[in-house]
Protein backbone atom coordinates (compact mmCIF):
# COMPACT_ATOMS: atom_id res chain seq x y z
CA MET A 1 46.78 116.21 162.39
CA LYS A 2 48.60 114.68 159.45
CA ILE A 3 52.18 115.90 159.87
CA GLY A 4 54.96 115.54 157.29
CA PHE A 5 58.72 115.92 158.18
CA PHE A 6 61.22 116.35 155.39
CA LEU A 7 64.25 114.16 156.23
CA GLY A 8 67.60 114.67 154.51
CA PHE A 9 69.49 111.62 155.78
CA PRO A 10 68.15 108.73 157.89
CA THR A 11 71.67 107.71 159.20
CA ILE A 12 73.15 108.47 162.55
CA ASN A 13 73.43 112.18 163.36
CA GLY A 14 72.16 114.56 166.03
CA GLY A 15 69.68 116.44 163.91
CA THR A 16 68.03 113.26 162.62
CA TYR A 17 67.86 111.92 166.19
CA VAL A 18 65.87 114.94 167.27
CA ILE A 19 63.44 114.46 164.42
CA TYR A 20 62.90 110.83 165.22
CA GLU A 21 62.27 111.63 168.83
CA HIS A 22 59.61 114.29 168.10
CA ALA A 23 58.01 112.34 165.23
CA SER A 24 57.65 109.05 167.19
CA ARG A 25 56.13 110.82 170.22
CA LEU A 26 53.74 112.87 168.03
CA LYS A 27 52.53 109.56 166.64
CA LYS A 28 51.97 108.27 170.11
CA ARG A 29 49.95 111.40 170.84
CA GLY A 30 47.46 110.48 168.06
CA HIS A 31 48.86 112.25 165.00
CA GLN A 32 49.61 110.66 161.65
CA VAL A 33 53.32 111.32 161.08
CA ILE A 34 55.10 110.79 157.77
CA LEU A 35 58.82 111.11 157.09
CA VAL A 36 59.34 112.37 153.51
CA THR A 37 62.69 111.49 151.83
CA ARG A 38 63.95 112.21 148.31
CA GLN A 39 64.90 108.51 147.88
CA GLU A 40 63.50 105.22 149.14
CA VAL A 41 65.07 104.34 152.47
CA VAL A 42 65.91 100.78 153.47
CA PRO A 43 65.25 99.92 157.18
CA GLU A 44 68.96 99.28 157.79
CA LYS A 45 69.57 103.03 157.41
CA TYR A 46 67.46 103.93 160.44
CA ALA A 47 67.84 100.72 162.56
CA TRP A 48 70.13 102.66 164.95
CA HIS A 49 67.13 104.45 166.44
CA PRO A 50 64.60 102.20 168.28
CA ALA A 51 61.48 104.10 167.20
CA ALA A 52 62.25 104.98 163.59
CA HIS A 53 60.61 101.73 162.31
CA THR A 54 57.27 102.77 163.88
CA LEU A 55 56.99 105.73 161.52
CA GLU A 56 55.50 105.98 158.09
CA TRP A 57 58.03 106.54 155.31
CA LEU A 58 57.29 107.99 151.87
CA THR A 59 59.46 109.17 149.03
CA LEU A 60 58.86 112.73 147.78
CA GLU A 61 57.23 111.34 144.66
CA GLN A 62 54.84 109.23 146.78
CA ALA A 63 54.09 112.16 149.11
CA THR A 64 52.97 114.38 146.23
CA ARG A 65 49.82 112.23 146.16
CA GLU A 66 49.02 113.04 149.77
CA SER A 67 47.42 116.02 151.49
CA PHE A 68 48.93 117.15 154.78
CA ASP A 69 47.74 119.44 157.57
CA ILE A 70 51.32 120.67 158.07
CA VAL A 71 54.70 119.94 156.44
CA LEU A 72 57.96 120.87 158.06
CA ALA A 73 61.34 121.64 156.33
CA THR A 74 64.08 120.38 158.61
CA TRP A 75 67.42 121.18 156.92
CA TRP A 76 68.49 124.08 154.67
CA GLN A 77 67.66 122.51 151.29
CA SER A 78 64.20 121.33 152.30
CA PRO A 79 62.43 124.68 152.11
CA PHE A 80 62.96 124.43 148.34
CA LEU A 81 60.87 121.27 148.34
CA LEU A 82 57.91 122.51 150.41
CA HIS A 83 55.87 123.72 147.39
CA GLU A 84 55.98 120.23 145.88
CA LEU A 85 53.66 118.85 148.61
CA GLN A 86 49.99 119.73 149.23
CA ALA A 87 49.52 121.06 152.74
CA THR A 88 47.31 123.44 154.65
CA HIS A 89 50.32 124.80 156.54
CA TYR A 90 54.07 124.90 156.04
CA ALA A 91 56.82 125.48 158.63
CA TYR A 92 60.57 125.38 159.10
CA PHE A 93 62.25 123.51 161.91
CA VAL A 94 65.68 125.14 162.29
CA GLN A 95 68.18 123.14 164.43
CA SER A 96 71.15 125.35 163.63
CA ILE A 97 72.27 128.21 161.23
CA GLU A 98 73.58 125.78 158.67
CA THR A 99 75.49 128.40 156.69
CA ARG A 100 78.22 127.81 159.34
CA PHE A 101 78.47 124.17 158.42
CA LEU A 102 79.98 124.98 155.06
CA PRO A 103 83.72 125.69 155.14
CA PRO A 104 85.14 128.48 152.91
CA TYR A 105 86.36 127.63 149.49
CA THR A 106 89.88 126.23 149.35
CA PRO A 107 91.40 126.03 145.80
CA SER A 108 92.93 122.64 146.57
CA ASP A 109 89.60 121.13 147.75
CA TYR A 110 86.94 121.04 145.02
CA THR A 111 84.35 119.76 147.56
CA THR A 112 84.27 123.35 148.74
CA TYR A 113 84.12 124.79 145.14
CA ASP A 114 80.57 126.20 145.34
CA ASN A 115 80.43 126.79 149.13
CA VAL A 116 80.33 130.51 148.90
CA ILE A 117 77.21 130.15 146.62
CA TRP A 118 75.62 127.56 148.84
CA GLN A 119 76.24 129.71 151.92
CA GLU A 120 74.34 132.62 150.35
CA LEU A 121 71.58 130.31 149.27
CA CYS A 122 71.38 128.62 152.70
CA GLU A 123 71.23 131.91 154.45
CA LYS A 124 68.36 133.08 152.24
CA THR A 125 66.17 130.13 153.44
CA TYR A 126 65.67 131.91 156.74
CA SER A 127 64.02 134.73 154.81
CA TYR A 128 61.12 132.61 153.70
CA ALA A 129 57.86 133.98 155.09
CA LEU A 130 57.26 130.85 157.15
CA PRO A 131 56.56 130.05 160.86
CA ILE A 132 59.81 128.81 162.35
CA ILE A 133 60.45 126.41 165.26
CA THR A 134 63.95 126.21 166.79
CA GLU A 135 65.69 124.45 169.66
CA ALA A 136 68.18 127.07 170.99
CA THR A 137 67.92 130.59 172.16
CA TRP A 138 70.84 131.87 170.11
CA ILE A 139 69.09 130.63 166.86
CA GLN A 140 65.89 132.35 167.93
CA GLU A 141 67.70 135.59 168.48
CA TYR A 142 69.72 135.33 165.27
CA ILE A 143 66.63 134.87 163.05
CA TYR A 144 64.73 137.62 164.80
CA GLU A 145 67.54 140.09 164.50
CA LYS A 146 68.41 139.36 160.81
CA TYR A 147 64.98 138.46 159.39
CA ASN A 148 62.39 139.97 161.78
CA ASN A 149 60.85 136.55 162.26
CA SER A 150 60.03 135.33 165.78
CA PRO A 151 60.79 131.55 165.93
CA GLN A 152 59.07 129.49 168.60
CA LEU A 153 61.60 127.89 171.04
CA VAL A 154 61.31 124.21 171.82
CA ARG A 155 64.35 122.93 173.59
CA ASN A 156 65.36 119.31 173.01
CA GLY A 157 64.50 116.69 175.59
CA ILE A 158 66.46 113.73 176.73
CA ARG A 159 65.75 110.00 177.22
CA LYS A 160 65.69 109.82 181.00
CA ASP A 161 64.74 106.18 180.80
CA ILE A 162 68.16 105.16 179.32
CA TYR A 163 70.52 108.07 180.21
CA THR A 164 70.87 107.37 183.94
CA VAL A 165 73.72 107.17 186.47
CA GLU A 166 72.85 103.61 187.35
CA GLY A 167 73.24 100.91 184.74
CA ASP A 168 75.72 98.87 182.76
CA ALA A 169 79.04 100.17 181.71
CA VAL A 170 81.54 99.02 179.17
CA ALA A 171 84.21 99.25 181.79
CA PRO A 172 83.68 100.69 185.31
CA ARG A 173 85.18 104.08 186.12
CA GLU A 174 88.43 103.78 188.12
CA PRO A 175 89.33 106.41 190.72
CA ASP A 176 92.97 106.47 189.60
CA ARG A 177 92.38 106.51 185.85
CA PHE A 178 91.20 109.67 184.08
CA ARG A 179 89.18 108.44 181.10
CA VAL A 180 88.23 110.95 178.42
CA LEU A 181 85.53 110.42 175.82
CA ILE A 182 85.50 112.29 172.45
CA GLU A 183 82.28 112.25 170.38
CA GLY A 184 81.61 113.09 166.79
CA PRO A 185 82.38 112.17 163.19
CA VAL A 186 86.07 112.17 162.49
CA ASP A 187 85.88 113.76 159.00
CA VAL A 188 83.54 116.72 159.65
CA VAL A 189 85.77 119.78 160.02
CA TYR A 190 83.54 121.77 162.39
CA LYS A 191 83.29 118.88 164.79
CA ASN A 192 87.05 119.16 165.43
CA VAL A 193 87.47 115.52 166.50
CA PRO A 194 91.08 115.01 165.41
CA ALA A 195 92.26 118.07 167.34
CA SER A 196 90.26 116.90 170.40
CA ILE A 197 92.13 113.63 170.33
CA ARG A 198 95.48 115.33 169.97
CA LEU A 199 94.81 117.62 172.89
CA ALA A 200 93.64 114.74 175.11
CA LYS A 201 96.84 112.84 174.27
CA LYS A 202 98.94 115.90 174.94
CA ALA A 203 97.34 116.29 178.35
CA LYS A 204 98.27 112.71 179.09
CA ALA A 205 94.72 111.37 179.69
CA ASP A 206 95.01 107.81 181.06
CA GLU A 207 92.60 106.56 178.36
CA ILE A 208 91.03 108.20 175.28
CA TRP A 209 87.79 106.72 173.93
CA LEU A 210 86.02 107.72 170.70
CA LEU A 211 82.27 107.53 170.07
CA THR A 212 81.66 108.30 166.40
CA SER A 213 79.11 108.06 163.60
CA SER A 214 82.00 107.45 161.19
CA ALA A 215 82.61 103.93 159.98
CA VAL A 216 86.03 103.39 161.54
CA GLU A 217 87.35 100.44 163.55
CA GLN A 218 90.39 102.16 164.96
CA TYR A 219 91.85 105.66 165.10
CA LYS A 220 95.28 107.05 165.87
CA ASP A 221 95.98 107.68 169.57
CA VAL A 222 92.54 106.31 170.60
CA ASP A 223 92.40 103.36 173.06
CA ARG A 224 88.86 102.27 172.17
CA VAL A 225 86.62 103.17 169.24
CA PHE A 226 82.83 102.83 169.26
CA SER A 227 81.48 103.34 165.72
CA GLN A 228 77.91 103.80 164.65
CA VAL A 229 76.48 102.67 167.92
CA PRO A 230 72.66 102.49 168.40
CA ILE A 231 71.24 105.07 170.72
CA HIS A 232 70.28 102.61 173.44
CA GLU A 233 73.86 101.39 173.72
CA THR A 234 75.50 104.78 174.19
CA PRO A 235 74.75 105.26 177.93
CA LYS A 236 77.06 102.41 178.93
CA ILE A 237 79.83 104.22 177.08
CA TYR A 238 79.12 107.50 178.91
CA ARG A 239 78.96 105.72 182.24
CA SER A 240 82.44 104.36 181.64
CA CYS A 241 84.14 107.75 181.13
CA ASP A 242 84.76 110.71 183.44
CA LEU A 243 84.59 113.58 180.97
CA LEU A 244 83.31 114.35 177.51
CA LEU A 245 85.74 116.45 175.52
CA LYS A 246 83.57 118.25 172.86
CA LEU A 247 85.42 120.97 170.98
CA SER A 248 82.91 121.63 168.15
CA TYR A 249 83.04 124.93 166.30
CA VAL A 250 79.35 124.80 165.22
CA GLU A 251 76.40 123.45 167.15
CA GLY A 252 72.70 124.08 167.46
CA MET A 253 71.90 122.84 170.99
CA PHE A 254 74.27 119.90 171.28
CA GLY A 255 73.05 116.89 173.10
CA PRO A 256 76.12 114.70 174.02
CA PRO A 257 77.25 116.77 176.99
CA LEU A 258 73.72 116.63 178.45
CA GLU A 259 73.61 112.89 177.93
CA MET A 260 76.97 112.65 179.75
CA PHE A 261 75.62 114.74 182.59
CA HIS A 262 72.80 112.26 183.09
CA CYS A 263 75.20 109.33 183.16
CA GLY A 264 77.33 110.80 185.96
CA GLY A 265 80.08 112.53 183.97
CA THR A 266 81.09 116.11 183.18
CA ALA A 267 82.36 117.95 180.08
CA LEU A 268 84.92 120.31 178.68
CA VAL A 269 83.65 122.32 175.65
CA TYR A 270 84.45 125.28 173.58
CA ASP A 271 82.18 128.36 173.93
CA VAL A 272 80.29 127.21 170.84
CA THR A 273 76.79 128.55 170.02
CA GLY A 274 74.20 126.73 172.09
CA HIS A 275 76.44 125.65 174.94
CA ASP A 276 74.93 128.26 177.30
CA GLU A 277 71.55 126.47 177.10
CA TYR A 278 72.66 124.31 179.99
CA ILE A 279 76.50 124.34 180.39
CA MET A 280 77.83 126.64 183.12
CA HIS A 281 81.60 127.14 183.42
CA ASN A 282 83.08 125.97 186.70
CA GLN A 283 79.72 124.69 187.89
CA ASN A 284 78.93 121.61 185.80
CA SER A 285 81.69 121.76 183.18
CA TYR A 286 84.63 123.81 181.94
CA VAL A 287 84.14 126.19 179.05
CA VAL A 288 87.06 127.39 176.97
CA ALA A 289 87.19 130.06 174.23
CA GLN A 290 87.52 128.47 170.75
CA ASP A 291 91.09 127.46 169.78
CA GLN A 292 92.50 128.18 173.20
CA GLU A 293 94.27 124.80 173.11
CA LYS A 294 96.67 125.52 175.99
CA LYS A 295 93.68 126.19 178.21
CA VAL A 296 92.15 122.89 177.19
CA ILE A 297 95.33 121.01 178.06
CA HIS A 298 95.60 122.93 181.37
CA TYR A 299 92.06 121.94 182.43
CA LEU A 300 92.45 118.32 181.39
CA ARG A 301 95.68 117.96 183.46
CA HIS A 302 94.09 119.86 186.34
CA LEU A 303 91.20 117.39 186.46
CA LYS A 304 93.49 114.41 186.17
CA LYS A 305 95.58 115.58 189.16
CA ASN A 306 92.62 116.73 191.24
CA PRO A 307 89.91 114.00 191.47
CA GLN A 308 87.94 116.04 194.02
CA GLU A 309 87.56 118.87 191.46
CA LEU A 310 86.38 116.34 188.86
CA GLN A 311 83.85 115.03 191.37
CA ARG A 312 82.58 118.55 192.10
CA LEU A 313 81.86 119.18 188.45
CA LYS A 314 80.11 115.81 188.17
CA GLN A 315 77.82 116.75 191.00
CA GLY A 316 77.01 120.06 189.31
CA ALA A 317 76.25 118.15 186.11
CA LEU A 318 73.87 115.80 187.92
CA GLN A 319 72.03 118.85 189.40
CA THR A 320 71.58 120.29 185.91
CA ALA A 321 70.39 116.93 184.53
CA SER A 322 67.74 116.62 187.27
CA GLN A 323 66.11 119.84 186.10
CA TRP A 324 66.10 119.11 182.39
CA PRO A 325 62.87 117.94 180.75
CA ASP A 326 62.48 114.62 179.06
CA TRP A 327 61.43 113.99 175.53
CA ASP A 328 57.78 113.58 176.34
CA ASP A 329 57.73 117.12 177.73
CA ALA A 330 59.63 118.46 174.85
CA THR A 331 57.29 116.93 172.28
CA GLU A 332 54.25 118.13 174.14
CA ARG A 333 55.62 121.66 173.75
CA PHE A 334 56.40 120.96 170.06
CA GLU A 335 52.76 119.81 169.54
CA GLN A 336 51.44 122.95 171.16
CA VAL A 337 53.50 125.01 168.73
CA LEU A 338 52.22 123.07 165.76
CA LEU A 339 48.64 123.53 166.91
CA LYS A 340 49.27 127.22 167.27
CA ILE A 341 50.63 127.40 163.71
CA ALA A 342 47.54 125.69 162.49
CA THR A 343 45.36 128.57 163.78
CA LYS A 344 47.35 131.19 161.77
CA ARG A 345 47.02 132.25 158.19
CA PRO A 346 49.08 129.75 156.17
CA ALA A 347 51.96 130.44 153.82
CA SER A 348 50.89 130.23 150.18
CA ARG A 349 52.03 127.32 148.20
CA ALA A 350 52.24 129.48 145.07
CA TYR A 351 54.56 131.95 147.06
CA LEU A 352 56.83 129.11 148.18
CA LYS A 353 57.20 127.99 144.57
CA LYS A 354 57.89 131.44 143.17
CA TYR A 355 60.34 132.36 145.83
CA THR A 356 62.23 129.13 145.37
CA GLU A 357 62.41 129.63 141.68
CA GLU A 358 63.80 133.18 142.18
CA LEU A 359 66.52 131.86 144.51
CA PHE A 360 67.65 129.29 141.97
CA LYS A 361 67.65 131.76 139.14
CA THR A 362 70.17 133.77 141.06
CA ARG A 363 72.31 130.72 141.83
CA GLN A 364 73.02 129.76 138.21
CA PRO A 365 74.96 132.84 137.22
CA LEU A 366 77.06 132.60 140.32
CA GLN A 367 78.13 129.11 139.37
CA GLU A 368 78.68 130.01 135.79
CA ALA A 369 80.84 133.02 136.73
CA LYS A 370 83.09 130.88 138.91
CA ALA A 371 83.47 128.23 136.26
CA TYR A 372 84.24 130.75 133.45
CA ASN A 373 86.80 132.64 135.59
CA ILE A 374 88.70 129.45 136.25
CA PHE A 375 88.55 128.61 132.53
CA VAL A 376 89.79 131.98 131.37
CA ASP A 377 92.59 131.94 133.89
CA ARG A 378 93.78 128.56 132.67
CA GLU A 379 93.69 129.49 128.97
CA ARG A 380 95.44 132.78 129.59
CA ALA A 381 98.09 130.95 131.64
CA ALA A 382 98.68 128.60 128.74
CA TRP A 383 99.39 131.53 126.43
CA GLU A 384 101.70 133.14 129.00
CA GLY A 385 103.53 129.92 129.80
CA ARG A 386 102.73 129.86 133.49
CA GLN A 387 101.26 127.09 135.67
CA THR A 388 97.81 127.12 137.32
CA ASP A 389 96.08 124.70 139.70
CA LYS A 390 95.64 121.37 138.01
CA LYS A 391 93.58 119.64 140.64
CA ASN A 392 90.42 118.01 139.29
CA LEU A 393 87.69 115.86 140.81
CA ILE A 394 85.81 112.80 139.48
CA GLU A 395 82.54 111.67 141.09
CA PHE A 396 80.89 108.28 140.97
CA TYR A 397 77.11 107.94 141.73
CA TRP A 398 74.99 104.86 142.08
CA ASP A 399 71.29 104.26 142.79
CA VAL A 400 68.67 101.51 142.73
CA GLN A 401 65.98 103.86 141.41
CA GLY A 402 67.86 106.00 138.87
CA ASN A 403 67.47 109.17 140.93
CA PHE A 404 70.98 110.03 142.04
CA ASN A 405 71.66 111.88 145.32
CA PRO A 406 74.79 112.94 147.29
CA GLU A 407 74.33 110.13 149.88
CA ASN A 408 75.29 107.45 147.26
CA THR A 409 78.50 108.98 145.90
CA GLN A 410 82.25 108.54 146.01
CA SER A 411 84.87 111.01 144.67
CA GLN A 412 88.57 111.08 143.97
CA TYR A 413 91.04 113.81 142.96
CA TYR A 414 93.24 113.50 140.00
CA PRO A 415 95.59 115.86 138.11
CA SER A 416 94.53 117.55 134.88
CA GLU A 417 96.73 117.38 131.75
CA GLU A 418 97.96 113.80 132.35
CA TRP A 419 96.37 110.37 132.16
CA ALA A 420 94.90 109.00 135.40
CA THR A 421 93.30 105.63 136.14
CA ILE A 422 90.67 105.87 138.91
CA SER A 423 88.75 102.97 140.55
CA PHE A 424 85.69 102.89 142.77
CA GLU A 425 84.45 99.89 144.75
CA LEU A 426 80.83 99.41 145.65
CA LYS A 427 78.91 96.89 147.67
CA ILE A 428 75.63 96.11 145.91
CA GLU A 429 72.51 96.40 148.03
CA LYS A 430 69.86 95.89 145.35
CA ALA A 431 69.35 95.37 141.66
CA PRO A 432 68.80 96.79 139.06
CA LEU A 433 71.50 99.37 139.62
CA TRP A 434 72.08 102.70 137.93
CA LEU A 435 75.66 104.07 137.58
CA ARG A 436 76.88 107.54 136.71
CA ILE A 437 80.30 109.14 136.37
CA ASP A 438 80.95 112.86 136.46
CA PRO A 439 84.48 112.95 135.12
CA SER A 440 85.47 116.60 135.72
CA VAL A 441 84.65 119.96 137.46
CA ARG A 442 86.39 122.07 134.82
CA ILE A 443 85.63 123.63 131.45
CA GLY A 444 87.89 121.76 129.04
CA ILE A 445 88.35 118.63 126.90
CA ILE A 446 87.97 115.19 128.57
CA GLU A 447 89.49 112.14 126.85
CA ILE A 448 88.54 108.65 128.06
CA ASP A 449 90.73 105.68 127.28
CA PHE A 450 88.38 103.09 128.86
CA ILE A 451 85.64 102.49 131.41
CA THR A 452 85.24 99.05 132.85
CA VAL A 453 82.76 97.55 135.36
CA ARG A 454 83.72 94.23 137.12
CA ASN A 455 81.76 92.07 139.40
CA THR A 456 84.70 91.25 141.63
CA THR A 457 82.71 88.72 143.69
CA GLN A 458 82.13 86.58 140.60
CA ASP A 459 85.40 87.80 138.99
CA ILE A 460 83.79 88.74 135.70
CA GLU A 461 83.75 91.87 133.60
CA VAL A 462 80.10 92.92 133.17
CA MET A 463 80.61 96.05 131.16
CA ALA A 464 83.43 97.63 129.21
CA PHE A 465 84.01 100.68 126.94
CA ARG A 466 87.37 100.64 125.18
CA GLU A 467 86.85 101.50 121.51
CA PRO A 468 85.46 104.88 120.40
CA ASP A 469 82.29 103.15 119.15
CA ASP A 470 81.71 101.60 122.56
CA PHE A 471 80.97 104.92 124.02
CA GLN A 472 77.86 105.22 121.82
CA ARG A 473 76.18 103.17 124.53
CA LEU A 474 76.62 105.90 127.10
CA LEU A 475 74.25 108.78 127.75
CA LEU A 476 76.07 112.12 127.93
CA THR A 477 74.11 114.88 129.84
CA GLY A 478 74.89 117.86 131.97
CA ASP A 479 77.33 120.54 130.87
CA ALA A 480 78.92 118.49 128.10
CA LYS A 481 78.67 117.28 124.53
CA TRP A 482 80.64 114.95 122.28
CA LEU A 483 83.47 116.87 120.53
CA PHE A 484 83.52 114.63 117.39
CA GLN A 485 80.79 112.47 115.85
CA ASP A 486 83.15 109.65 115.18
CA ARG A 487 85.16 109.73 118.49
CA LYS A 488 82.66 109.42 121.32
CA ASN A 489 85.42 109.04 123.94
CA ILE A 490 86.32 112.73 123.61
CA ILE A 491 84.02 115.14 125.47
CA PHE A 492 83.85 118.95 125.48
CA SER A 493 82.87 120.11 128.97
CA TYR A 494 81.44 123.62 128.88
CA GLY A 495 80.62 123.76 132.57
CA ARG A 496 81.55 122.06 135.77
CA ASP A 497 79.03 119.23 135.63
CA PRO A 498 79.59 116.77 132.70
CA ILE A 499 77.65 113.54 133.38
CA LEU A 500 78.00 110.05 131.87
CA HIS A 501 75.17 107.55 132.52
CA LEU A 502 76.13 103.96 132.13
CA PRO A 503 73.70 101.25 130.90
CA VAL A 504 71.57 99.77 133.73
CA LEU A 505 72.98 96.68 135.51
CA LYS A 506 70.03 94.27 135.85
CA LYS A 507 69.39 91.55 138.26
CA GLY A 508 71.24 88.35 137.37
CA ILE A 509 74.25 90.15 136.17
CA ILE A 510 74.72 91.51 139.74
CA GLY A 511 73.30 90.37 143.06
CA SER A 512 72.82 91.73 146.55
CA GLY A 513 75.92 91.50 148.65
CA GLU A 514 78.31 91.34 145.72
CA TYR A 515 81.00 93.88 144.99
CA LEU A 516 81.57 96.04 141.87
CA GLU A 517 84.74 97.72 140.75
CA VAL A 518 84.23 100.64 138.38
CA SER A 519 87.44 101.94 136.66
CA ILE A 520 88.08 104.80 134.33
CA LYS A 521 91.16 106.03 132.59
CA VAL A 522 90.71 109.69 131.88
CA LYS A 523 92.67 112.83 130.88
CA GLU A 524 91.32 116.35 131.12
CA ASN A 525 92.91 119.32 129.35
CA GLY A 526 92.43 122.94 128.74
CA ILE A 527 91.56 123.66 125.09
CA GLN A 528 95.00 124.92 124.13
CA GLN A 529 96.76 122.00 125.89
CA PHE A 530 94.49 119.56 124.06
CA MET A 531 95.35 121.15 120.72
CA SER A 532 99.00 120.99 121.58
CA ASP A 533 98.69 117.33 122.41
CA GLN A 534 96.92 116.67 119.15
CA GLN A 535 99.59 118.58 117.19
CA LEU A 536 97.01 121.07 116.03
CA SER A 537 98.22 124.39 117.46
CA CYS A 538 101.86 123.75 116.49
CA PRO A 539 102.12 121.08 113.87
CA ASP A 540 105.43 119.34 113.29
CA GLN A 541 107.31 121.49 110.80
CA SER A 542 109.08 118.42 109.41
CA LEU A 543 105.79 117.08 108.08
CA THR A 544 104.55 118.09 104.64
CA LYS A 545 101.17 119.71 104.39
CA GLU A 546 99.72 116.44 103.06
CA GLN A 547 101.30 114.42 105.91
CA ALA A 548 99.95 116.89 108.62
CA THR A 549 96.49 116.76 107.06
CA GLN A 550 96.53 112.90 107.18
CA THR A 551 97.76 112.99 110.81
CA GLN A 552 94.88 115.31 111.90
CA PRO A 553 92.00 115.85 109.42
CA TRP A 554 91.29 119.46 108.59
CA TRP A 555 87.70 119.24 109.90
CA HIS A 556 89.03 118.23 113.36
CA ARG A 557 91.15 121.46 113.38
CA LEU A 558 88.19 123.47 112.17
CA ALA A 559 85.86 122.03 114.78
CA ILE A 560 88.19 122.73 117.61
CA ALA A 561 89.06 126.28 116.30
CA LYS A 562 85.29 127.07 116.26
CA ILE A 563 84.96 125.74 119.79
CA ILE A 564 87.95 127.81 121.01
CA ALA A 565 86.65 131.01 119.45
CA LYS A 566 83.08 130.56 120.70
CA THR A 567 83.98 129.39 124.21
CA ILE A 568 86.67 131.93 124.98
CA SER A 569 84.69 134.87 123.71
CA LYS A 570 81.64 133.65 125.68
CA ALA A 571 83.76 133.05 128.75
CA ILE A 572 85.24 136.50 128.75
CA VAL A 573 81.88 138.14 128.34
CA LYS A 574 80.18 136.00 131.04
CA ALA A 575 83.07 136.28 133.51
CA THR A 576 82.64 140.08 133.39
CA SER A 577 78.91 140.37 133.31
CA LEU A 578 78.21 137.56 135.78
CA LYS A 579 80.68 139.15 138.27
CA ASN A 580 78.38 142.11 138.47
CA ARG A 581 75.28 139.87 138.91
CA CYS A 582 77.15 138.01 141.72
CA ILE A 583 77.75 141.25 143.56
CA HIS A 584 74.10 142.25 143.12
CA PHE A 585 72.94 138.86 144.46
CA VAL A 586 75.12 139.01 147.62
CA GLN A 587 73.99 142.59 148.36
CA ARG A 588 70.30 141.78 148.01
């Protein structure tokens, strides 16, 4: 069969690892396997996995010219892309209920601004009329109970050729030293890594090691950090430690404890979804209810003081490991499920397209309602003389193809209603290079004093926008338009996604391996605050009418007055009507 896997990110993470393992073994079993990504992927991004380079890689645009026997969505946004590819069959490989990965909205954190919307949209992907494959019993039961779909269960395998008791170690285990390993990205809330380190320290573990996909060289209270380590090098880290402390809040069927079992260690975990696939309390590990931190500390201290108990759990872990299938067995089962799907009546490509369009039609009013409610509250607060949240967010994107995606982005917070200078640094991988700045997430007026781009490696300024006329060279898109024809550095943002595209940086101006610094001085205001700053809403009474007119031309006042009237009336209407549509969407 010709099999396509949608792949969200090629970099180190557990879900991507599972896809690489199945895909590479399906290829060995005689199938043509293609990984489909939204952007072109350089080999360095997947070099951490030894088999990823053996697979065929196509961008989504390239894959539209292919015809597949089966295409699999593999993360929550990919079902929306299925209809873009020609295939006889479509399926959904669900490794977790990803709704749980999105933290609730926090007013002080604009990265969570739309999470309630994305959660609803993510949850609805499980309602597609598609055959589903999953890796954990709890996911299988969840989808059956909520959506009356019966997913096929294919548990993950393990590399028994590398995860072994015997083999090299970074440092041999020592009978009188209790060495704890913590695994996971340090900045993903649901992985709970910082708290795990804190508890290990409080329990007085002799050594705390960290194995992480995050790009960090050191971390507070950690004795040794192993960052972005290739898969084949992780066993010697496991063999060096006695216990894996894994206190995640969300998992599918997490692999690190099982890998630790095969390398002669044990684990202490929360009772997170998926743990019961192979972890048994007091037999091969300790299992603690989520957030029972005192219990975690108690068990860690108990194992440190009682080496014989630690050894008992390690023996139980080895017994579990001996009965677990390897990846060849798991992929054989995965292949059988795909062949079974191929005998069934396929999902209609037209249906997939129509259902996706319907989902996204309901998303737009939800986002608009949220933006307008925030806008109305700020303008009302200005009239009433009270303060509201001033936190704003600026985002910087770059790409070598001009198709921007969340993987190539940086962001910084800044306060509204005052000038802020923000800088981003970027290492250039390839030229030409497209740059984009999203200067705000609020409805309001954005003033830009300057934008500069410097090649810091060569110490030269390659691009600058300082005078109002300079900004004519920028492309303004998204939820924004120029406020004045003769002052292109002032933008009216009527949504939460104003976008500035900078001119393309061509090869010769920049080179691979060099560094760029992109700086912007920006100020974002509510409409009334902007008028006040411009001396429009309350002109200086000491000025004559003629002087006031010369200070701020009448057509500036008229233009802004029209914007205020139109925007506020539109906002009030939408904030009310869209609220009802939001309620309807959630209840559907």
